[in-house]
Protein backbone atom coordinates (compact mmCIF):
# COMPACT_ATOMS: atom_id res chain seq x y z
CA MET A 1 22.76 -73.41 -107.29
CA ASN A 2 20.61 -72.08 -104.50
CA LYS A 3 21.27 -68.40 -103.76
CA VAL A 4 21.63 -68.98 -100.00
CA LEU A 5 24.40 -71.55 -100.33
CA GLN A 6 27.85 -70.18 -99.51
CA ARG A 7 26.25 -67.00 -98.09
CA LYS A 8 28.05 -65.80 -94.98
CA ILE A 9 26.15 -64.47 -91.97
CA GLY A 10 28.42 -63.39 -89.15
CA HIS A 11 30.91 -66.21 -88.67
CA LEU A 12 28.63 -68.83 -90.31
CA THR A 13 28.80 -69.93 -93.94
CA ILE A 14 25.68 -71.71 -95.21
CA LEU A 15 26.47 -75.16 -96.62
CA ALA A 16 23.00 -76.69 -97.13
CA GLU A 17 19.32 -75.85 -96.82
CA TYR A 18 16.83 -78.48 -95.65
CA GLU A 19 13.11 -78.84 -96.41
CA ASP A 20 12.21 -77.95 -92.81
CA LYS A 21 13.74 -74.50 -93.43
CA SER A 22 16.85 -75.14 -91.37
CA LEU A 23 20.37 -74.44 -92.58
CA MET A 24 23.57 -76.40 -92.09
CA CYS A 25 26.35 -73.90 -91.49
CA LYS A 26 30.09 -74.02 -90.95
CA CYS A 27 31.55 -71.62 -88.42
CA ASP A 28 34.87 -69.88 -89.04
CA CYS A 29 36.31 -72.03 -86.21
CA GLY A 30 35.41 -75.20 -88.16
CA ASN A 31 32.35 -76.41 -86.24
CA ILE A 32 29.24 -77.47 -88.16
CA VAL A 33 25.90 -76.27 -86.73
CA THR A 34 22.24 -76.24 -87.79
CA ARG A 35 20.20 -73.05 -87.46
CA ARG A 36 16.59 -72.20 -88.35
CA ARG A 37 16.63 -70.01 -91.46
CA THR A 38 14.28 -67.32 -90.16
CA LEU A 39 16.11 -67.00 -86.83
CA LEU A 40 19.49 -66.70 -88.52
CA TYR A 41 18.29 -64.08 -91.02
CA ASN A 42 16.50 -61.87 -88.49
CA GLY A 43 19.42 -61.94 -86.05
CA THR A 44 17.70 -63.95 -83.31
CA ALA A 45 20.04 -66.93 -83.71
CA SER A 46 23.70 -66.64 -82.89
CA SER A 47 25.97 -65.65 -85.78
CA SER A 48 28.54 -68.22 -84.63
CA CYS A 49 28.50 -71.78 -83.30
CA GLY A 50 28.97 -70.48 -79.76
CA CYS A 51 32.73 -70.21 -79.94
CA LEU A 52 32.58 -66.42 -79.63
CA LYS A 53 30.73 -66.67 -76.32
CA GLY A 54 33.61 -68.67 -74.86
CA LYS A 55 36.12 -66.12 -76.11
CA ALA A 56 34.09 -63.23 -74.67
CA ILE A 57 33.88 -64.92 -71.28
CA ALA A 58 37.62 -65.56 -71.29
CA GLN A 59 38.24 -61.87 -72.02
CA GLY A 60 35.70 -60.69 -69.42
CA ILE A 61 33.30 -59.21 -71.98
CA SER A 62 29.54 -59.43 -71.40
CA ARG A 63 26.53 -58.45 -73.53
CA LYS A 64 24.70 -56.48 -70.80
């Protein structure tokens, strides 16, 4: 089994790794998303599917 499978980064759990170095991930909310491996590991990509952004907006929280 590949070491990255089932690894959790933020709210994303890695389900599969593709040859083009992208990862299929499942968010804690249930959505399935694809992220580039390098962007996810270095923190450039979101650590959720985007569901947290909606929650932050609803609560009036911004990342300024």
